[in-house]
Amino acid sequence: MRRRRNVLSIGLAASAVSVSLLMATPATADIFYLNSYQSAQGGYNRGYAAVGGSTAIVEACDMGPGDSRRAVTTISTNAGGYYEVQDANGSNNGCVRELFVDADLIYSGLKYLMSSCIQNGFTGTPYNCATRWGVVD
């Protein structure tokens, strides 16, 4: 069973300066954009991940024509980490990005699987996923 650890998540209460500094890409990050496959209506997720050091920046972007689906981007690590971000604010209406800091589950040499999917509802099953494997530098 995977455990989910959100040691640090940046919220709206943080100042603009703090957010911009914390959301900066780690210097040695493995960075990748990955588009899901399209829904029947043409909507898709443009997922983004930057994984390095002890941090993972994960982003989901609901793109294309409106389809009443949400965009979901996940990172699963071979150390048991699971990080998920969902964008449900409407197609082409901004993205949702979160920063996760977890020194126990994100470290150099770690293998991880990034998934970029769409799903129907908060608890729906992700589908039309594109995936890729990565290794933290």
N, C-alpha and C. Protein backbone atom coordinates (compact mmCIF):
# COMPACT_ATOMS: atom_id res chain seq x y z
N MET A 1 0.84 -1.17 0.00
CA MET A 1 0.00 0.00 0.00
C MET A 1 0.88 1.24 0.00
N ARG A 2 0.61 2.15 -0.87
CA ARG A 2 1.39 3.38 -0.93
C ARG A 2 0.96 4.33 0.16
N ARG A 3 1.89 5.05 0.68
CA ARG A 3 1.54 6.07 1.65
C ARG A 3 1.74 7.43 1.01
N ARG A 4 0.96 8.36 1.42
CA ARG A 4 1.03 9.70 0.86
C ARG A 4 1.55 10.63 1.94
N ARG A 5 2.58 11.35 1.62
CA ARG A 5 3.16 12.28 2.58
C ARG A 5 3.28 13.63 1.92
N ASN A 6 2.56 14.56 2.42
CA ASN A 6 2.64 15.94 1.97
C ASN A 6 3.30 16.73 3.09
N VAL A 7 4.61 16.80 3.05
CA VAL A 7 5.32 17.44 4.12
C VAL A 7 5.18 18.95 4.04
N LEU A 8 5.16 19.48 2.82
CA LEU A 8 5.02 20.92 2.65
C LEU A 8 4.20 21.18 1.41
N SER A 9 3.14 21.90 1.54
CA SER A 9 2.33 22.28 0.39
C SER A 9 2.14 23.79 0.46
N ILE A 10 2.43 24.45 -0.63
CA ILE A 10 2.35 25.90 -0.65
C ILE A 10 0.90 26.32 -0.82
N GLY A 11 0.41 27.14 0.08
CA GLY A 11 -0.97 27.61 0.04
C GLY A 11 -1.08 29.05 -0.38
N LEU A 12 -2.29 29.52 -0.46
CA LEU A 12 -2.55 30.88 -0.89
C LEU A 12 -2.08 31.91 0.11
N ALA A 13 -1.91 31.54 1.36
CA ALA A 13 -1.53 32.50 2.37
C ALA A 13 -0.07 32.94 2.27
N ALA A 14 0.75 32.22 1.53
CA ALA A 14 2.16 32.58 1.40
C ALA A 14 2.30 33.86 0.59
N SER A 15 3.32 34.62 0.91
CA SER A 15 3.54 35.87 0.17
C SER A 15 4.03 35.55 -1.23
N ALA A 16 3.88 36.50 -2.15
CA ALA A 16 4.28 36.30 -3.54
C ALA A 16 5.77 36.01 -3.64
N VAL A 17 6.58 36.67 -2.84
CA VAL A 17 8.02 36.44 -2.89
C VAL A 17 8.35 35.03 -2.43
N SER A 18 7.76 34.59 -1.34
CA SER A 18 8.01 33.25 -0.83
C SER A 18 7.58 32.20 -1.83
N VAL A 19 6.42 32.38 -2.43
CA VAL A 19 5.92 31.41 -3.41
C VAL A 19 6.86 31.33 -4.59
N SER A 20 7.29 32.46 -5.12
CA SER A 20 8.16 32.43 -6.30
C SER A 20 9.48 31.77 -5.98
N LEU A 21 10.02 31.98 -4.78
CA LEU A 21 11.28 31.35 -4.41
C LEU A 21 11.11 29.85 -4.21
N LEU A 22 10.04 29.45 -3.53
CA LEU A 22 9.82 28.03 -3.27
C LEU A 22 9.40 27.25 -4.50
N MET A 23 8.75 27.91 -5.45
CA MET A 23 8.29 27.22 -6.64
C MET A 23 9.35 27.17 -7.73
N ALA A 24 10.50 27.76 -7.49
CA ALA A 24 11.58 27.72 -8.46
C ALA A 24 12.03 26.27 -8.65
N THR A 25 12.38 25.92 -9.86
CA THR A 25 12.80 24.57 -10.18
C THR A 25 14.13 24.25 -9.50
N PRO A 26 14.25 23.09 -8.86
CA PRO A 26 15.53 22.71 -8.26
C PRO A 26 16.64 22.69 -9.31
N ALA A 27 17.87 23.02 -8.92
CA ALA A 27 18.98 23.15 -9.86
C ALA A 27 19.26 21.86 -10.62
N THR A 28 19.09 20.71 -10.02
CA THR A 28 19.40 19.44 -10.68
C THR A 28 18.15 18.60 -10.89
N ALA A 29 17.06 19.22 -11.23
CA ALA A 29 15.78 18.51 -11.34
C ALA A 29 15.65 17.77 -12.67
N ASP A 30 14.93 16.68 -12.63
CA ASP A 30 14.47 15.97 -13.83
C ASP A 30 13.15 16.64 -14.19
N ILE A 31 13.08 17.31 -15.35
CA ILE A 31 11.93 18.13 -15.72
C ILE A 31 11.27 17.55 -16.95
N PHE A 32 9.92 17.47 -16.92
CA PHE A 32 9.23 16.89 -18.06
C PHE A 32 7.80 17.40 -18.16
N TYR A 33 7.36 17.67 -19.39
CA TYR A 33 5.95 17.94 -19.71
C TYR A 33 5.41 16.69 -20.38
N LEU A 34 4.18 16.34 -20.06
CA LEU A 34 3.58 15.13 -20.60
C LEU A 34 2.08 15.35 -20.81
N ASN A 35 1.62 15.23 -22.04
CA ASN A 35 0.19 15.38 -22.35
C ASN A 35 -0.52 14.04 -22.26
N SER A 36 -1.70 14.06 -21.63
CA SER A 36 -2.54 12.86 -21.63
C SER A 36 -3.12 12.68 -23.03
N TYR A 37 -3.77 11.56 -23.26
CA TYR A 37 -4.54 11.39 -24.49
C TYR A 37 -5.84 12.17 -24.34
N GLN A 38 -6.44 12.56 -25.45
CA GLN A 38 -7.63 13.42 -25.44
C GLN A 38 -8.89 12.66 -25.06
N SER A 39 -9.83 13.41 -24.45
CA SER A 39 -11.17 12.88 -24.20
C SER A 39 -11.92 12.85 -25.52
N ALA A 40 -13.12 12.28 -25.53
CA ALA A 40 -13.94 12.24 -26.74
C ALA A 40 -14.24 13.65 -27.26
N GLN A 41 -14.26 14.63 -26.35
CA GLN A 41 -14.55 16.01 -26.73
C GLN A 41 -13.29 16.80 -27.08
N GLY A 42 -12.13 16.21 -26.91
CA GLY A 42 -10.87 16.86 -27.28
C GLY A 42 -10.10 17.49 -26.13
N GLY A 43 -10.61 17.39 -24.90
CA GLY A 43 -9.88 17.94 -23.75
C GLY A 43 -8.74 17.02 -23.35
N TYR A 44 -7.71 17.60 -22.72
CA TYR A 44 -6.57 16.79 -22.29
C TYR A 44 -5.85 17.49 -21.13
N ASN A 45 -4.95 16.75 -20.47
CA ASN A 45 -4.12 17.28 -19.38
C ASN A 45 -2.73 17.53 -19.92
N ARG A 46 -2.20 18.72 -19.67
CA ARG A 46 -0.78 18.99 -19.92
C ARG A 46 -0.10 18.93 -18.56
N GLY A 47 0.45 17.77 -18.23
CA GLY A 47 1.09 17.57 -16.94
C GLY A 47 2.53 18.06 -16.96
N TYR A 48 3.02 18.46 -15.80
CA TYR A 48 4.40 18.94 -15.64
C TYR A 48 4.93 18.41 -14.33
N ALA A 49 6.20 18.03 -14.33
CA ALA A 49 6.86 17.62 -13.10
C ALA A 49 8.32 18.03 -13.14
N ALA A 50 8.81 18.50 -12.01
CA ALA A 50 10.23 18.77 -11.79
C ALA A 50 10.59 18.08 -10.49
N VAL A 51 11.41 17.04 -10.58
CA VAL A 51 11.73 16.23 -9.41
C VAL A 51 13.24 16.26 -9.21
N GLY A 52 13.67 16.71 -8.04
CA GLY A 52 15.10 16.78 -7.76
C GLY A 52 15.35 17.15 -6.32
N GLY A 53 16.55 16.82 -5.85
CA GLY A 53 16.87 17.07 -4.44
C GLY A 53 15.89 16.30 -3.58
N SER A 54 15.17 17.00 -2.71
CA SER A 54 14.13 16.36 -1.89
C SER A 54 12.76 16.95 -2.22
N THR A 55 12.62 17.50 -3.44
CA THR A 55 11.37 18.16 -3.81
C THR A 55 10.78 17.61 -5.11
N ALA A 56 9.47 17.75 -5.20
CA ALA A 56 8.75 17.45 -6.43
C ALA A 56 7.77 18.60 -6.66
N ILE A 57 7.84 19.22 -7.82
CA ILE A 57 6.86 20.21 -8.23
C ILE A 57 5.98 19.51 -9.25
N VAL A 58 4.69 19.45 -8.99
CA VAL A 58 3.76 18.70 -9.84
C VAL A 58 2.64 19.65 -10.26
N GLU A 59 2.32 19.63 -11.56
CA GLU A 59 1.31 20.54 -12.10
C GLU A 59 0.34 19.79 -13.01
N ALA A 60 -0.92 20.18 -12.95
CA ALA A 60 -1.96 19.67 -13.85
C ALA A 60 -2.62 20.86 -14.53
N CYS A 61 -2.83 20.75 -15.86
CA CYS A 61 -3.45 21.83 -16.64
C CYS A 61 -4.54 21.25 -17.53
N ASP A 62 -5.77 21.64 -17.27
CA ASP A 62 -6.91 21.21 -18.08
C ASP A 62 -6.90 22.03 -19.37
N MET A 63 -6.67 21.39 -20.50
CA MET A 63 -6.49 22.07 -21.78
C MET A 63 -7.50 21.58 -22.82
N GLY A 64 -7.63 22.34 -23.90
CA GLY A 64 -8.50 21.95 -25.01
C GLY A 64 -9.94 22.34 -24.76
N PRO A 65 -10.85 21.85 -25.61
CA PRO A 65 -12.26 22.17 -25.45
C PRO A 65 -12.82 21.65 -24.12
N GLY A 66 -13.81 22.35 -23.58
CA GLY A 66 -14.45 21.91 -22.35
C GLY A 66 -15.05 20.52 -22.51
N ASP A 67 -14.84 19.65 -21.52
CA ASP A 67 -15.34 18.28 -21.60
C ASP A 67 -15.87 17.77 -20.26
N SER A 68 -16.00 18.64 -19.27
CA SER A 68 -16.48 18.26 -17.93
C SER A 68 -15.60 17.20 -17.27
N ARG A 69 -14.34 17.16 -17.60
CA ARG A 69 -13.38 16.26 -16.98
C ARG A 69 -12.34 17.10 -16.25
N ARG A 70 -11.62 16.48 -15.33
CA ARG A 70 -10.54 17.18 -14.65
C ARG A 70 -9.21 16.59 -15.08
N ALA A 71 -8.17 17.41 -14.97
CA ALA A 71 -6.82 16.99 -15.30
C ALA A 71 -6.15 16.49 -14.01
N VAL A 72 -5.41 15.38 -14.12
CA VAL A 72 -4.75 14.79 -12.96
C VAL A 72 -3.31 14.43 -13.34
N THR A 73 -2.36 14.92 -12.55
CA THR A 73 -0.95 14.55 -12.73
C THR A 73 -0.48 13.91 -11.43
N THR A 74 0.20 12.76 -11.54
CA THR A 74 0.69 12.06 -10.36
C THR A 74 2.17 11.70 -10.52
N ILE A 75 2.82 11.59 -9.38
CA ILE A 75 4.18 11.06 -9.30
C ILE A 75 4.13 9.93 -8.28
N SER A 76 4.56 8.74 -8.67
CA SER A 76 4.67 7.59 -7.76
C SER A 76 6.14 7.19 -7.72
N THR A 77 6.70 7.02 -6.52
CA THR A 77 8.11 6.67 -6.41
C THR A 77 8.30 5.23 -5.98
N ASN A 78 9.46 4.69 -6.29
CA ASN A 78 9.75 3.32 -5.87
C ASN A 78 10.07 3.25 -4.37
N ALA A 79 10.04 4.40 -3.68
CA ALA A 79 10.24 4.43 -2.23
C ALA A 79 8.91 4.52 -1.48
N GLY A 80 7.79 4.49 -2.22
CA GLY A 80 6.48 4.54 -1.59
C GLY A 80 5.81 5.89 -1.58
N GLY A 81 6.43 6.90 -2.19
CA GLY A 81 5.81 8.22 -2.25
C GLY A 81 4.75 8.31 -3.32
N TYR A 82 3.71 9.08 -3.07
CA TYR A 82 2.65 9.31 -4.04
C TYR A 82 2.21 10.77 -3.93
N TYR A 83 2.29 11.49 -5.04
CA TYR A 83 1.98 12.92 -5.06
C TYR A 83 1.01 13.17 -6.21
N GLU A 84 -0.11 13.83 -5.92
CA GLU A 84 -1.17 14.02 -6.92
C GLU A 84 -1.65 15.47 -6.91
N VAL A 85 -1.90 16.00 -8.11
CA VAL A 85 -2.47 17.33 -8.28
C VAL A 85 -3.60 17.22 -9.29
N GLN A 86 -4.74 17.88 -8.98
CA GLN A 86 -5.89 17.89 -9.88
C GLN A 86 -6.26 19.32 -10.24
N ASP A 87 -6.57 19.54 -11.53
CA ASP A 87 -7.06 20.83 -12.00
C ASP A 87 -8.51 20.63 -12.43
N ALA A 88 -9.41 21.29 -11.71
CA ALA A 88 -10.84 21.15 -12.00
C ALA A 88 -11.50 22.52 -12.16
N ASN A 89 -10.71 23.53 -12.53
CA ASN A 89 -11.26 24.89 -12.61
C ASN A 89 -11.69 25.29 -14.02
N GLY A 90 -11.87 24.35 -14.90
CA GLY A 90 -12.34 24.65 -16.25
C GLY A 90 -11.22 24.62 -17.26
N SER A 91 -11.56 24.26 -18.46
CA SER A 91 -10.58 24.12 -19.53
C SER A 91 -9.94 25.46 -19.87
N ASN A 92 -8.62 25.45 -20.07
CA ASN A 92 -7.84 26.63 -20.47
C ASN A 92 -8.01 27.79 -19.49
N ASN A 93 -8.19 27.47 -18.20
CA ASN A 93 -8.46 28.48 -17.20
C ASN A 93 -7.40 28.45 -16.10
N GLY A 94 -6.15 28.28 -16.48
CA GLY A 94 -5.07 28.21 -15.50
C GLY A 94 -4.76 26.78 -15.09
N CYS A 95 -3.68 26.63 -14.36
CA CYS A 95 -3.20 25.32 -13.93
C CYS A 95 -3.16 25.27 -12.41
N VAL A 96 -2.98 24.07 -11.88
CA VAL A 96 -2.80 23.88 -10.45
C VAL A 96 -1.42 23.27 -10.26
N ARG A 97 -0.59 23.92 -9.43
CA ARG A 97 0.79 23.47 -9.18
C ARG A 97 1.01 23.38 -7.68
N GLU A 98 1.65 22.29 -7.25
CA GLU A 98 1.98 22.13 -5.84
C GLU A 98 3.43 21.72 -5.69
N LEU A 99 4.00 22.14 -4.60
CA LEU A 99 5.36 21.77 -4.23
C LEU A 99 5.30 20.79 -3.07
N PHE A 100 5.97 19.65 -3.22
CA PHE A 100 6.06 18.65 -2.16
C PHE A 100 7.52 18.52 -1.76
N VAL A 101 7.81 18.58 -0.47
CA VAL A 101 9.16 18.40 0.05
C VAL A 101 9.13 17.17 0.94
N ASP A 102 9.95 16.18 0.62
CA ASP A 102 9.91 14.93 1.36
C ASP A 102 11.26 14.23 1.23
N ALA A 103 12.18 14.53 2.14
CA ALA A 103 13.53 13.99 2.07
C ALA A 103 13.57 12.46 2.19
N ASP A 104 12.57 11.87 2.84
CA ASP A 104 12.55 10.41 3.00
C ASP A 104 12.14 9.69 1.72
N LEU A 105 11.35 10.34 0.88
CA LEU A 105 10.79 9.65 -0.29
C LEU A 105 11.19 10.26 -1.63
N ILE A 106 12.00 11.33 -1.62
CA ILE A 106 12.52 11.90 -2.86
C ILE A 106 14.01 12.14 -2.65
N TYR A 107 14.85 11.42 -3.39
CA TYR A 107 16.30 11.53 -3.20
C TYR A 107 17.01 11.11 -4.48
N SER A 108 18.28 11.41 -4.59
CA SER A 108 19.08 11.11 -5.77
C SER A 108 19.07 9.61 -6.06
N GLY A 109 18.89 9.27 -7.32
CA GLY A 109 18.85 7.88 -7.75
C GLY A 109 17.48 7.25 -7.69
N LEU A 110 16.51 7.95 -7.12
CA LEU A 110 15.15 7.45 -6.98
C LEU A 110 14.47 7.31 -8.34
N LYS A 111 13.81 6.19 -8.58
CA LYS A 111 13.00 6.01 -9.78
C LYS A 111 11.57 6.45 -9.48
N TYR A 112 10.95 7.11 -10.45
CA TYR A 112 9.56 7.54 -10.26
C TYR A 112 8.79 7.39 -11.56
N LEU A 113 7.47 7.28 -11.43
CA LEU A 113 6.58 7.19 -12.58
C LEU A 113 5.69 8.43 -12.58
N MET A 114 5.71 9.16 -13.67
CA MET A 114 4.84 10.33 -13.84
C MET A 114 3.67 9.91 -14.72
N SER A 115 2.45 10.29 -14.32
CA SER A 115 1.25 10.01 -15.12
C SER A 115 0.50 11.31 -15.35
N SER A 116 0.04 11.49 -16.58
CA SER A 116 -0.78 12.63 -16.96
C SER A 116 -2.09 12.07 -17.50
N CYS A 117 -3.20 12.34 -16.79
CA CYS A 117 -4.48 11.70 -17.09
C CYS A 117 -5.62 12.71 -17.08
N ILE A 118 -6.79 12.24 -17.47
CA ILE A 118 -8.05 12.94 -17.25
C ILE A 118 -8.94 12.00 -16.45
N GLN A 119 -9.90 12.57 -15.74
CA GLN A 119 -10.82 11.72 -14.98
C GLN A 119 -12.14 12.44 -14.79
N ASN A 120 -13.18 11.67 -14.54
CA ASN A 120 -14.51 12.18 -14.33
C ASN A 120 -14.76 12.29 -12.82
N GLY A 121 -14.74 13.50 -12.29
CA GLY A 121 -14.99 13.71 -10.87
C GLY A 121 -13.77 13.51 -10.00
N PHE A 122 -13.87 13.96 -8.74
CA PHE A 122 -12.75 13.91 -7.82
C PHE A 122 -12.27 12.49 -7.56
N THR A 123 -13.18 11.55 -7.41
CA THR A 123 -12.81 10.17 -7.08
C THR A 123 -12.92 9.22 -8.27
N GLY A 124 -13.12 9.77 -9.47
CA GLY A 124 -13.22 8.92 -10.66
C GLY A 124 -11.91 8.19 -10.94
N THR A 125 -11.98 7.24 -11.85
CA THR A 125 -10.79 6.50 -12.25
C THR A 125 -10.07 7.25 -13.35
N PRO A 126 -8.77 7.54 -13.19
CA PRO A 126 -8.02 8.22 -14.25
C PRO A 126 -8.01 7.36 -15.52
N TYR A 127 -8.10 8.03 -16.66
CA TYR A 127 -8.04 7.32 -17.94
C TYR A 127 -7.36 8.19 -18.98
N ASN A 128 -7.12 7.62 -20.16
CA ASN A 128 -6.40 8.29 -21.24
C ASN A 128 -5.05 8.82 -20.75
N CYS A 129 -4.40 8.01 -19.93
CA CYS A 129 -3.13 8.42 -19.30
C CYS A 129 -1.94 8.22 -20.24
N ALA A 130 -1.02 9.16 -20.14
CA ALA A 130 0.31 9.00 -20.71
C ALA A 130 1.25 8.88 -19.52
N THR A 131 2.26 8.02 -19.60
CA THR A 131 3.18 7.83 -18.49
C THR A 131 4.62 7.86 -18.97
N ARG A 132 5.51 8.15 -18.03
CA ARG A 132 6.94 8.07 -18.31
C ARG A 132 7.67 7.80 -17.01
N TRP A 133 8.79 7.09 -17.13
CA TRP A 133 9.65 6.82 -15.98
C TRP A 133 10.75 7.86 -15.93
N GLY A 134 11.19 8.20 -14.74
CA GLY A 134 12.31 9.12 -14.57
C GLY A 134 13.16 8.68 -13.39
N VAL A 135 14.36 9.29 -13.31
CA VAL A 135 15.26 9.03 -12.21
C VAL A 135 15.73 10.38 -11.68
N VAL A 136 15.65 10.58 -10.37
CA VAL A 136 16.09 11.82 -9.75
C VAL A 136 17.61 11.90 -9.82
N ASP A 137 18.13 13.04 -10.26
CA ASP A 137 19.59 13.26 -10.35
C ASP A 137 20.22 13.30 -8.98
